[in-house]
Amino acid sequence: MPETQNKPASDSSSEENTHFGYQQVPVAEKSARVADVFHSVANSYDVMNDLMSLGIHRLWKRYTIEMSAVRPGQRVLDLAGGTGDLAAKFSRLVGNNGEVVLADINESMLALGRDRLTDLGCTGNTAYAITDAQYLPFADDYFDCITIGFGLRNVTDKDLALRAMFRVLKPGGKLLVLEFSKPSNPLLSSAYDLYSFKLLPAIGKLVANDGESYRYLAESIRMHPDQQTLKNMITDAGFATCEYHNITGGIVALHCATKG
């Protein structure tokens, strides 16, 4: 198994700001603020996913699994893996001779993921890592596949994280980034905005007693790069090829990249 301790973040000037939703906050504070959000929503995360997407998130994740083409014996890193939806499927695919690392920066989310995978019997080929996607504590050229589902938008320095993913992938390995994106239809976009900023916080308040965290999640989606911009960022990180697939009218996009 690879090492699972996290490297310390590099020093950042307190004068440097980044976005936390629509707010500007010091770079050094963003990780802690994101952590607070996910500590708050961890226990209701799976229920809210089903409610927010009407269960469609399961189809988005199934498509990601299919596009990964993961085979027995391979090594998979599921970054920002949360409660383990993708990792559980990968554990079955790689078999006894493979390895799946479920990684998340948030201890509350990772604990739920560990419990789920244990309950499902995914124990012999699964490891866990509390780690920041920007500073991956794994050897160069280690993994055959990396997935990050609905997590990249919360990373402070996305370019740094993408370069870290490139480093730990084997040549020929695949990166799959599943993330909320920009709807292509203006009418769908307007309806999506209404849902995100009116209904979503209300559902979060009702179900999780936390409307503000879900308001942040809606804002973080709007601040995330659009499909083409993210594709350019991935290729700039060194990946030989990258293509994206819009899902549900572009509300979600799956970027698939290969390390040359």
Protein backbone atom coordinates (compact mmCIF):
# COMPACT_ATOMS: atom_id res chain seq x y z
CA MET A 1 0.00 0.00 0.00
CA PRO A 2 1.24 3.57 -0.64
CA GLU A 3 1.98 5.98 2.15
CA THR A 4 -1.08 7.82 3.38
CA GLN A 5 0.26 10.75 5.35
CA ASN A 6 -0.34 14.18 3.87
CA LYS A 7 2.38 16.64 2.97
CA PRO A 8 2.18 20.10 4.51
CA ALA A 9 0.80 22.82 2.31
CA SER A 10 3.27 25.38 1.04
CA ASP A 11 3.31 28.78 2.69
CA SER A 12 0.87 31.29 1.21
CA SER A 13 0.86 35.00 1.80
CA SER A 14 -2.03 36.14 3.95
CA GLU A 15 -2.59 38.87 1.35
CA GLU A 16 -3.40 36.32 -1.38
CA ASN A 17 -7.11 35.68 -1.81
CA THR A 18 -9.19 33.02 -3.51
CA HIS A 19 -12.90 32.41 -3.85
CA PHE A 20 -15.02 30.54 -1.34
CA GLY A 21 -18.30 30.48 -3.21
CA TYR A 22 -18.87 34.12 -4.08
CA GLN A 23 -16.74 35.38 -1.19
CA GLN A 24 -13.07 36.32 -1.40
CA VAL A 25 -11.08 34.75 1.44
CA PRO A 26 -7.36 34.37 2.22
CA VAL A 27 -5.86 31.35 0.46
CA ALA A 28 -4.74 29.94 3.79
CA GLU A 29 -8.34 29.90 5.08
CA LYS A 30 -10.15 28.20 2.21
CA SER A 31 -9.34 24.58 3.08
CA ALA A 32 -10.60 25.05 6.63
CA ARG A 33 -13.80 26.68 5.42
CA VAL A 34 -14.47 23.89 2.93
CA ALA A 35 -13.74 21.38 5.69
CA ASP A 36 -16.35 23.03 7.91
CA VAL A 37 -18.94 22.70 5.12
CA PHE A 38 -18.35 18.98 4.69
CA HIS A 39 -18.10 18.27 8.41
CA SER A 40 -21.52 19.89 8.64
CA VAL A 41 -23.17 17.96 5.80
CA ALA A 42 -21.38 14.59 6.14
CA ASN A 43 -24.15 12.69 7.93
CA SER A 44 -26.82 13.83 5.45
CA TYR A 45 -24.58 13.78 2.36
CA ASP A 46 -25.95 10.66 0.68
CA VAL A 47 -29.59 11.51 1.37
CA MET A 48 -29.08 15.02 0.03
CA ASN A 49 -27.36 13.71 -3.10
CA ASP A 50 -30.42 11.62 -3.89
CA LEU A 51 -32.79 14.50 -3.17
CA MET A 52 -30.76 17.14 -5.03
CA SER A 53 -30.34 15.08 -8.19
CA LEU A 54 -33.52 12.98 -7.97
CA GLY A 55 -31.19 10.00 -7.89
CA ILE A 56 -29.55 10.87 -11.22
CA HIS A 57 -26.12 11.18 -9.57
CA ARG A 58 -26.02 7.38 -9.55
CA LEU A 59 -26.20 7.37 -13.37
CA TRP A 60 -23.47 10.01 -13.61
CA LYS A 61 -21.21 7.85 -11.44
CA ARG A 62 -22.07 4.69 -13.37
CA TYR A 63 -21.05 6.45 -16.59
CA THR A 64 -17.75 7.45 -14.96
CA ILE A 65 -17.09 3.84 -13.98
CA GLU A 66 -17.81 2.68 -17.53
CA MET A 67 -15.54 5.30 -19.08
CA SER A 68 -12.70 4.38 -16.71
CA ALA A 69 -12.35 0.90 -18.28
CA VAL A 70 -10.69 -0.25 -15.05
CA ARG A 71 -9.56 -3.89 -15.15
CA PRO A 72 -8.61 -6.56 -12.60
CA GLY A 73 -5.25 -6.01 -10.96
CA GLN A 74 -5.11 -2.26 -11.51
CA ARG A 75 -4.53 0.51 -8.96
CA VAL A 76 -7.16 3.22 -8.62
CA LEU A 77 -7.12 6.48 -6.64
CA ASP A 78 -10.56 7.91 -5.85
CA LEU A 79 -9.87 11.50 -4.80
CA ALA A 80 -12.43 13.48 -2.83
CA GLY A 81 -14.08 10.08 -2.64
CA GLY A 82 -16.32 10.99 0.27
CA THR A 83 -18.74 8.27 1.18
CA GLY A 84 -17.21 5.78 -1.25
CA ASP A 85 -19.72 5.39 -4.09
CA LEU A 86 -17.04 5.11 -6.78
CA ALA A 87 -14.49 3.32 -4.61
CA ALA A 88 -16.93 0.50 -3.83
CA LYS A 89 -17.47 -0.16 -7.53
CA PHE A 90 -13.75 0.01 -8.27
CA SER A 91 -13.01 -2.45 -5.46
CA ARG A 92 -15.15 -5.04 -7.23
CA LEU A 93 -13.54 -4.30 -10.61
CA VAL A 94 -9.87 -4.52 -9.59
CA GLY A 95 -10.33 -7.75 -7.62
CA ASN A 96 -8.01 -9.31 -5.09
CA ASN A 97 -4.84 -8.41 -6.99
CA GLY A 98 -5.78 -4.77 -7.45
CA GLU A 99 -5.83 -1.79 -5.13
CA VAL A 100 -8.23 1.09 -4.50
CA VAL A 101 -7.28 4.10 -2.39
CA LEU A 102 -10.24 6.13 -1.12
CA ALA A 103 -8.86 9.59 -0.40
CA ASP A 104 -10.49 12.70 1.02
CA ILE A 105 -9.25 15.80 2.82
CA ASN A 106 -12.23 15.66 5.18
CA GLU A 107 -12.06 13.21 8.09
CA SER A 108 -15.84 13.09 8.58
CA MET A 109 -16.48 12.16 4.98
CA LEU A 110 -13.66 9.61 4.87
CA ALA A 111 -14.92 7.93 8.05
CA LEU A 112 -18.33 7.45 6.42
CA GLY A 113 -16.68 6.07 3.31
CA ARG A 114 -14.58 3.63 5.32
CA ASP A 115 -17.65 2.40 7.19
CA ARG A 116 -19.58 1.92 3.96
CA LEU A 117 -16.83 -0.02 2.22
CA THR A 118 -16.31 -2.17 5.29
CA ASP A 119 -20.03 -2.97 5.41
CA LEU A 120 -19.89 -3.91 1.72
CA GLY A 121 -16.97 -6.25 2.29
CA CYS A 122 -14.47 -4.10 0.37
CA THR A 123 -11.60 -4.68 2.77
CA GLY A 124 -8.86 -6.78 1.21
CA ASN A 125 -7.95 -4.40 -1.61
CA THR A 126 -8.90 -1.00 -0.19
CA ALA A 127 -6.82 1.63 1.60
CA TYR A 128 -7.71 5.07 2.95
CA ALA A 129 -5.88 8.38 2.89
CA ILE A 130 -6.66 11.75 4.45
CA THR A 131 -4.95 13.93 1.89
CA ASP A 132 -5.14 17.22 0.02
CA ALA A 133 -5.44 16.76 -3.76
CA GLN A 134 -2.78 19.43 -4.19
CA TYR A 135 -0.15 17.43 -2.29
CA LEU A 136 -0.56 13.74 -3.04
CA PRO A 137 1.66 11.51 -0.85
CA PHE A 138 2.08 8.75 -3.42
CA ALA A 139 4.96 7.59 -5.59
CA ASP A 140 5.39 8.78 -9.15
CA ASP A 141 3.67 6.66 -11.84
CA TYR A 142 1.77 4.60 -9.27
CA PHE A 143 -1.91 4.52 -10.30
CA ASP A 144 -3.59 3.22 -13.43
CA CYS A 145 -6.64 5.43 -12.92
CA ILE A 146 -7.59 8.50 -10.87
CA THR A 147 -11.12 9.73 -10.38
CA ILE A 148 -12.31 12.87 -8.65
CA GLY A 149 -16.07 13.21 -8.42
CA PHE A 150 -17.62 16.55 -7.45
CA GLY A 151 -14.46 17.54 -5.60
CA LEU A 152 -12.21 19.54 -7.92
CA ARG A 153 -14.28 22.71 -7.56
CA ASN A 154 -13.46 22.77 -3.83
CA VAL A 155 -9.69 22.59 -4.37
CA THR A 156 -7.88 25.88 -3.76
CA ASP A 157 -5.24 25.53 -6.50
CA LYS A 158 -6.71 23.36 -9.23
CA ASP A 159 -3.64 23.62 -11.46
CA LEU A 160 -1.43 22.36 -8.64
CA ALA A 161 -3.82 19.47 -7.99
CA LEU A 162 -3.96 18.48 -11.66
CA ARG A 163 -0.16 18.41 -11.83
CA ALA A 164 -0.09 16.23 -8.72
CA MET A 165 -2.55 13.81 -10.32
CA PHE A 166 -0.44 13.73 -13.48
CA ARG A 167 2.66 12.88 -11.44
CA VAL A 168 1.17 9.86 -9.64
CA LEU A 169 -0.50 8.38 -12.75
CA LYS A 170 1.32 5.76 -14.76
CA PRO A 171 2.08 6.53 -18.42
CA GLY A 172 -1.08 5.60 -20.29
CA GLY A 173 -3.13 6.04 -17.12
CA LYS A 174 -6.52 7.75 -17.07
CA LEU A 175 -7.84 10.75 -15.17
CA LEU A 176 -11.61 11.18 -14.90
CA VAL A 177 -13.00 14.44 -13.50
CA LEU A 178 -16.75 14.32 -12.83
CA GLU A 179 -18.01 17.76 -11.90
CA PHE A 180 -20.93 20.13 -12.14
CA SER A 181 -20.46 22.40 -15.13
CA LYS A 182 -22.19 24.91 -17.41
CA PRO A 183 -25.53 23.96 -19.05
CA SER A 184 -25.50 24.53 -22.80
CA ASN A 185 -29.16 25.58 -23.08
CA PRO A 186 -30.05 29.09 -21.78
CA LEU A 187 -33.50 27.97 -20.61
CA LEU A 188 -32.01 25.02 -18.74
CA SER A 189 -29.39 27.34 -17.27
CA SER A 190 -32.06 29.72 -15.95
CA ALA A 191 -34.08 26.89 -14.43
CA TYR A 192 -30.91 25.45 -12.91
CA ASP A 193 -30.06 28.80 -11.31
CA LEU A 194 -33.52 29.04 -9.80
CA TYR A 195 -33.22 25.53 -8.40
CA SER A 196 -29.67 26.05 -7.10
CA PHE A 197 -30.19 29.32 -5.27
CA LYS A 198 -33.79 29.00 -4.13
CA LEU A 199 -34.74 25.34 -3.74
CA LEU A 200 -31.39 23.77 -2.88
CA PRO A 201 -30.69 25.88 0.25
CA ALA A 202 -34.30 25.32 1.35
CA ILE A 203 -33.92 21.54 0.99
CA GLY A 204 -30.60 21.73 2.85
CA LYS A 205 -32.25 23.65 5.66
CA LEU A 206 -35.13 21.20 5.88
CA VAL A 207 -33.19 17.95 5.64
CA ALA A 208 -29.74 18.81 7.01
CA ASN A 209 -30.63 21.89 9.05
CA ASP A 210 -27.90 23.69 7.08
CA GLY A 211 -29.04 25.95 4.29
CA GLU A 212 -25.80 27.97 4.21
CA SER A 213 -23.58 25.02 3.35
CA TYR A 214 -25.77 24.20 0.38
CA ARG A 215 -25.76 27.84 -0.69
CA TYR A 216 -21.96 27.62 -0.73
CA LEU A 217 -22.14 24.43 -2.82
CA ALA A 218 -24.33 26.22 -5.38
CA GLU A 219 -21.95 29.17 -5.49
CA SER A 220 -18.90 26.92 -5.81
CA ILE A 221 -20.44 25.32 -8.89
CA ARG A 222 -20.84 28.73 -10.54
CA MET A 223 -17.22 29.62 -9.78
CA HIS A 224 -15.88 26.39 -11.29
CA PRO A 225 -14.27 26.64 -14.76
CA ASP A 226 -16.48 25.83 -17.74
CA GLN A 227 -15.96 22.70 -19.83
CA GLN A 228 -13.43 24.09 -22.32
CA THR A 229 -11.47 26.01 -19.70
CA LEU A 230 -11.11 22.90 -17.56
CA LYS A 231 -10.06 20.88 -20.60
CA ASN A 232 -7.32 23.43 -21.27
CA MET A 233 -6.21 23.29 -17.63
CA ILE A 234 -5.92 19.51 -17.80
CA THR A 235 -3.82 19.54 -20.96
CA ASP A 236 -1.68 22.36 -19.52
CA ALA A 237 -0.95 20.04 -16.57
CA GLY A 238 0.75 17.66 -19.02
CA PHE A 239 -1.96 15.24 -20.13
CA ALA A 240 -1.57 14.06 -23.70
CA THR A 241 -5.27 13.97 -24.50
CA CYS A 242 -8.46 15.24 -22.88
CA GLU A 243 -12.08 15.17 -23.97
CA TYR A 244 -15.24 16.02 -22.12
CA HIS A 245 -18.75 14.63 -22.24
CA ASN A 246 -21.71 16.76 -21.23
CA ILE A 247 -24.28 14.92 -19.15
CA THR A 248 -27.83 16.07 -18.37
CA GLY A 249 -27.51 19.03 -20.72
CA GLY A 250 -24.15 20.12 -19.36
CA ILE A 251 -25.27 20.40 -15.75
CA VAL A 252 -22.53 17.83 -15.23
CA ALA A 253 -19.49 17.11 -17.38
CA LEU A 254 -17.05 14.22 -17.35
CA HIS A 255 -13.51 15.10 -18.46
CA CYS A 256 -11.45 12.07 -19.51
CA ALA A 257 -7.70 12.53 -19.90
CA THR A 258 -4.75 10.24 -20.62
CA LYS A 259 -1.15 10.58 -19.49
CA GLY A 260 1.19 10.16 -22.43
